[in-house]
C-alpha atoms as a PDB file:
ATOM      1  CA  MET A   1      14.766  12.687  21.227  1.00  0.00           C
ATOM      2  CA  LYS A   2      17.397  12.312  18.533  1.00  0.00           C
ATOM      3  CA  SER A   3      16.243   8.764  17.691  1.00  0.00           C
ATOM      4  CA  SER A   4      12.645   9.996  17.308  1.00  0.00           C
ATOM      5  CA  PHE A   5      13.811  12.674  14.901  1.00  0.00           C
ATOM      6  CA  VAL A   6      15.818  10.145  12.873  1.00  0.00           C
ATOM      7  CA  PHE A   7      12.769   7.840  12.708  1.00  0.00           C
ATOM      8  CA  LEU A   8      10.535  10.671  11.474  1.00  0.00           C
ATOM      9  CA  ILE A   9      13.045  11.679   8.806  1.00  0.00           C
ATOM     10  CA  SER A  10      13.478   8.083   7.595  1.00  0.00           C
ATOM     11  CA  CYS A  11       9.694   7.636   7.599  1.00  0.00           C
ATOM     12  CA  PHE A  12       9.263  10.783   5.530  1.00  0.00           C
ATOM     13  CA  ILE A  13      11.989   9.852   3.043  1.00  0.00           C
ATOM     14  CA  SER A  14      10.859   6.265   2.504  1.00  0.00           C
ATOM     15  CA  PHE A  15       7.104   6.981   2.747  1.00  0.00           C
ATOM     16  CA  ASN A  16       6.704   3.812   4.868  1.00  0.00           C
ATOM     17  CA  CYS A  17       4.315   4.900   7.603  1.00  0.00           C
ATOM     18  CA  PHE A  18       1.569   3.540   9.782  1.00  0.00           C
ATOM     19  CA  SER A  19      -1.795   5.273   9.886  1.00  0.00           C
ATOM     20  CA  ASN A  20      -4.183   5.366  12.821  1.00  0.00           C
ATOM     21  CA  GLU A  21      -6.115   2.504  11.207  1.00  0.00           C
ATOM     22  CA  SER A  22      -3.250  -0.011  11.575  1.00  0.00           C
ATOM     23  CA  VAL A  23      -2.667   0.059   7.831  1.00  0.00           C
ATOM     24  CA  GLU A  24       0.924   0.089   6.610  1.00  0.00           C
ATOM     25  CA  PHE A  25       1.560   1.924   3.356  1.00  0.00           C
ATOM     26  CA  THR A  26       4.541   1.489   1.080  1.00  0.00           C
ATOM     27  CA  ILE A  27       4.697   4.285  -1.460  1.00  0.00           C
ATOM     28  CA  ASN A  28       7.133   4.772  -4.317  1.00  0.00           C
ATOM     29  CA  ALA A  29       6.982   7.953  -6.399  1.00  0.00           C
ATOM     30  CA  ASN A  30       8.522   9.142  -9.638  1.00  0.00           C
ATOM     31  CA  LYS A  31      10.706  12.257  -9.612  1.00  0.00           C
ATOM     32  CA  SER A  32       7.949  14.563 -10.825  1.00  0.00           C
ATOM     33  CA  GLY A  33       5.587  13.386  -8.071  1.00  0.00           C
ATOM     34  CA  ASN A  34       2.666  12.587 -10.348  1.00  0.00           C
ATOM     35  CA  GLU A  35       2.902   8.765 -10.350  1.00  0.00           C
ATOM     36  CA  PHE A  36       2.824   6.554  -7.271  1.00  0.00           C
ATOM     37  CA  LEU A  37       2.962   2.820  -6.592  1.00  0.00           C
ATOM     38  CA  ILE A  38       0.922   2.287  -3.428  1.00  0.00           C
ATOM     39  CA  THR A  39       0.686  -0.895  -1.361  1.00  0.00           C
ATOM     40  CA  ALA A  40      -1.530  -1.110   1.724  1.00  0.00           C
ATOM     41  CA  LYS A  41      -1.198  -3.974   4.220  1.00  0.00           C
ATOM     42  CA  GLY A  42      -2.861  -4.468   7.575  1.00  0.00           C
ATOM     43  CA  LYS A  43      -3.782  -6.937  10.272  1.00  0.00           C
ATOM     44  CA  THR A  44      -6.789  -8.220   8.358  1.00  0.00           C
ATOM     45  CA  ASP A  45      -7.127 -11.290   6.136  1.00  0.00           C
ATOM     46  CA  ASN A  46      -9.776  -9.535   4.031  1.00  0.00           C
ATOM     47  CA  ALA A  47      -8.149  -7.053   1.653  1.00  0.00           C
ATOM     48  CA  SER A  48     -11.427  -5.252   0.928  1.00  0.00           C
ATOM     49  CA  GLU A  49     -11.132  -3.823   4.459  1.00  0.00           C
ATOM     50  CA  LEU A  50      -7.970  -2.033   3.277  1.00  0.00           C
ATOM     51  CA  LEU A  51      -9.498  -0.596   0.106  1.00  0.00           C
ATOM     52  CA  ASP A  52     -10.973   2.591   1.622  1.00  0.00           C
ATOM     53  CA  SER A  53      -7.654   3.425   3.295  1.00  0.00           C
ATOM     54  CA  TRP A  54      -5.824   2.813   0.002  1.00  0.00           C
ATOM     55  CA  LEU A  55      -8.186   5.129  -1.905  1.00  0.00           C
ATOM     56  CA  LYS A  56      -7.930   7.795   0.808  1.00  0.00           C
ATOM     57  CA  LYS A  57      -4.124   7.666   0.613  1.00  0.00           C
ATOM     58  CA  ALA A  58      -4.213   7.962  -3.207  1.00  0.00           C
ATOM     59  CA  LYS A  59      -6.438  11.064  -2.974  1.00  0.00           C
ATOM     60  CA  GLU A  60      -4.210  12.507  -0.261  1.00  0.00           C
ATOM     61  CA  LEU A  61      -1.104  12.082  -2.440  1.00  0.00           C
ATOM     62  CA  CYS A  62      -2.747  13.662  -5.499  1.00  0.00           C
ATOM     63  CA  GLY A  63      -4.172  16.643  -3.638  1.00  0.00           C
ATOM     64  CA  ALA A  64      -6.314  18.769  -5.973  1.00  0.00           C
ATOM     65  CA  ARG A  65      -5.439  16.627  -8.992  1.00  0.00           C
ATOM     66  CA  GLU A  66      -7.624  13.774 -10.223  1.00  0.00           C
ATOM     67  CA  VAL A  67      -6.731  10.177  -9.289  1.00  0.00           C
ATOM     68  CA  GLU A  68      -6.391   7.597 -12.074  1.00  0.00           C
ATOM     69  CA  VAL A  69      -5.532   3.987 -11.256  1.00  0.00           C
ATOM     70  CA  GLU A  70      -3.696   1.704 -13.706  1.00  0.00           C
ATOM     71  CA  PRO A  71      -3.788  -0.907 -15.189  1.00  0.00           C
ATOM     72  CA  ASN A  72      -6.719  -2.844 -13.703  1.00  0.00           C
ATOM     73  CA  ASP A  73      -9.650  -0.942 -15.319  1.00  0.00           C
ATOM     74  CA  GLY A  74      -9.266   1.889 -12.838  1.00  0.00           C
ATOM     75  CA  LYS A  75      -9.223  -0.315  -9.728  1.00  0.00           C
ATOM     76  CA  PRO A  76      -6.333  -1.391  -7.499  1.00  0.00           C
ATOM     77  CA  ILE A  77      -5.459  -5.077  -7.176  1.00  0.00           C
ATOM     78  CA  VAL A  78      -7.083  -6.510  -4.029  1.00  0.00           C
ATOM     79  CA  SER A  79      -5.547  -9.738  -2.653  1.00  0.00           C
ATOM     80  CA  ASN A  80      -6.805 -11.535   0.452  1.00  0.00           C
ATOM     81  CA  THR A  81      -4.499 -13.499   2.741  1.00  0.00           C
ATOM     82  CA  GLY A  82      -3.525 -16.749   1.070  1.00  0.00           C
ATOM     83  CA  CYS A  83      -0.800 -19.272   0.436  1.00  0.00           C
ATOM     84  CA  GLY A  84       2.319 -18.094  -1.334  1.00  0.00           C
ATOM     85  CA  ASP A  85       4.705 -20.151  -3.462  1.00  0.00           C
ATOM     86  CA  ALA A  86       7.017 -21.104  -0.591  1.00  0.00           C
ATOM     87  CA  ILE A  87       6.402 -23.906   1.868  1.00  0.00           C
ATOM     88  CA  LYS A  88       7.896 -24.528   5.271  1.00  0.00           C
ATOM     89  CA  ILE A  89       7.994 -27.545   7.524  1.00  0.00           C
ATOM     90  CA  GLU A  90       6.829 -27.136  11.114  1.00  0.00           C
ATOM     91  CA  ASN A  91       6.852 -30.172  13.406  1.00  0.00           C
ATOM     92  CA  GLY A  92       7.160 -32.444  10.365  1.00  0.00           C
ATOM     93  CA  ILE A  93       4.117 -30.914   8.656  1.00  0.00           C
ATOM     94  CA  GLN A  94       4.308 -28.940   5.421  1.00  0.00           C
ATOM     95  CA  LYS A  95       2.658 -25.524   5.595  1.00  0.00           C
ATOM     96  CA  CYS A  96       2.432 -22.814   3.002  1.00  0.00           C
ATOM     97  CA  GLU A  97       3.922 -19.407   3.578  1.00  0.00           C
ATOM     98  CA  LEU A  98       1.041 -17.016   4.262  1.00  0.00           C
ATOM     99  CA  ILE A  99       0.950 -13.839   2.221  1.00  0.00           C
ATOM    100  CA  LYS A 100      -1.001 -11.165   4.108  1.00  0.00           C
ATOM    101  CA  ALA A 101      -3.907  -9.318   2.545  1.00  0.00           C
ATOM    102  CA  ALA A 102      -2.880  -6.305   0.464  1.00  0.00           C
ATOM    103  CA  VAL A 103      -4.155  -3.669  -1.920  1.00  0.00           C
ATOM    104  CA  PHE A 104      -1.772  -2.526  -4.675  1.00  0.00           C
ATOM    105  CA  GLY A 105      -2.001  -0.149  -7.594  1.00  0.00           C
ATOM    106  CA  LYS A 106      -0.334   2.491  -9.712  1.00  0.00           C
ATOM    107  CA  VAL A 107      -1.814   5.951  -9.229  1.00  0.00           C
ATOM    108  CA  LEU A 108      -1.516   8.761 -11.756  1.00  0.00           C
ATOM    109  CA  CYS A 109      -2.291  12.280 -10.554  1.00  0.00           C
ATOM    110  CA  VAL A 110      -3.667  14.247 -13.501  1.00  0.00           C
ATOM    111  CA  ALA A 111      -4.987  17.762 -13.942  1.00  0.00           C
ATOM    112  CA  VAL A 112      -8.696  18.114 -13.246  1.00  0.00           C
ATOM    113  CA  ARG A 113     -10.683  17.873 -16.476  1.00  0.00           C
ATOM    114  CA  ARG A 114     -13.218  20.607 -17.097  1.00  0.00           C
END
């Protein structure tokens, strides 16, 4: 019981949580709580499958405020699974380090414009 409580507290403090959709979010916020860096990763190789979850999380964090995404013309950066810079050797064969699909962006929560 105590370990479950500690996990929930650490999850709440770090904002690293898993949703029901098997999407892992990493969220960093400024002190005033109106700017967030959000990364979504999942078990898919196609990052566009993570985009709806990323947008839903951004809206959830902003609540009644409007969501603005920077700096990519109002869209998060969507990266499919691909080779990273590092290589490894397995059984004498060079292989690239795989970087999993991810969606990343900076979210600004602003007052609703009327």
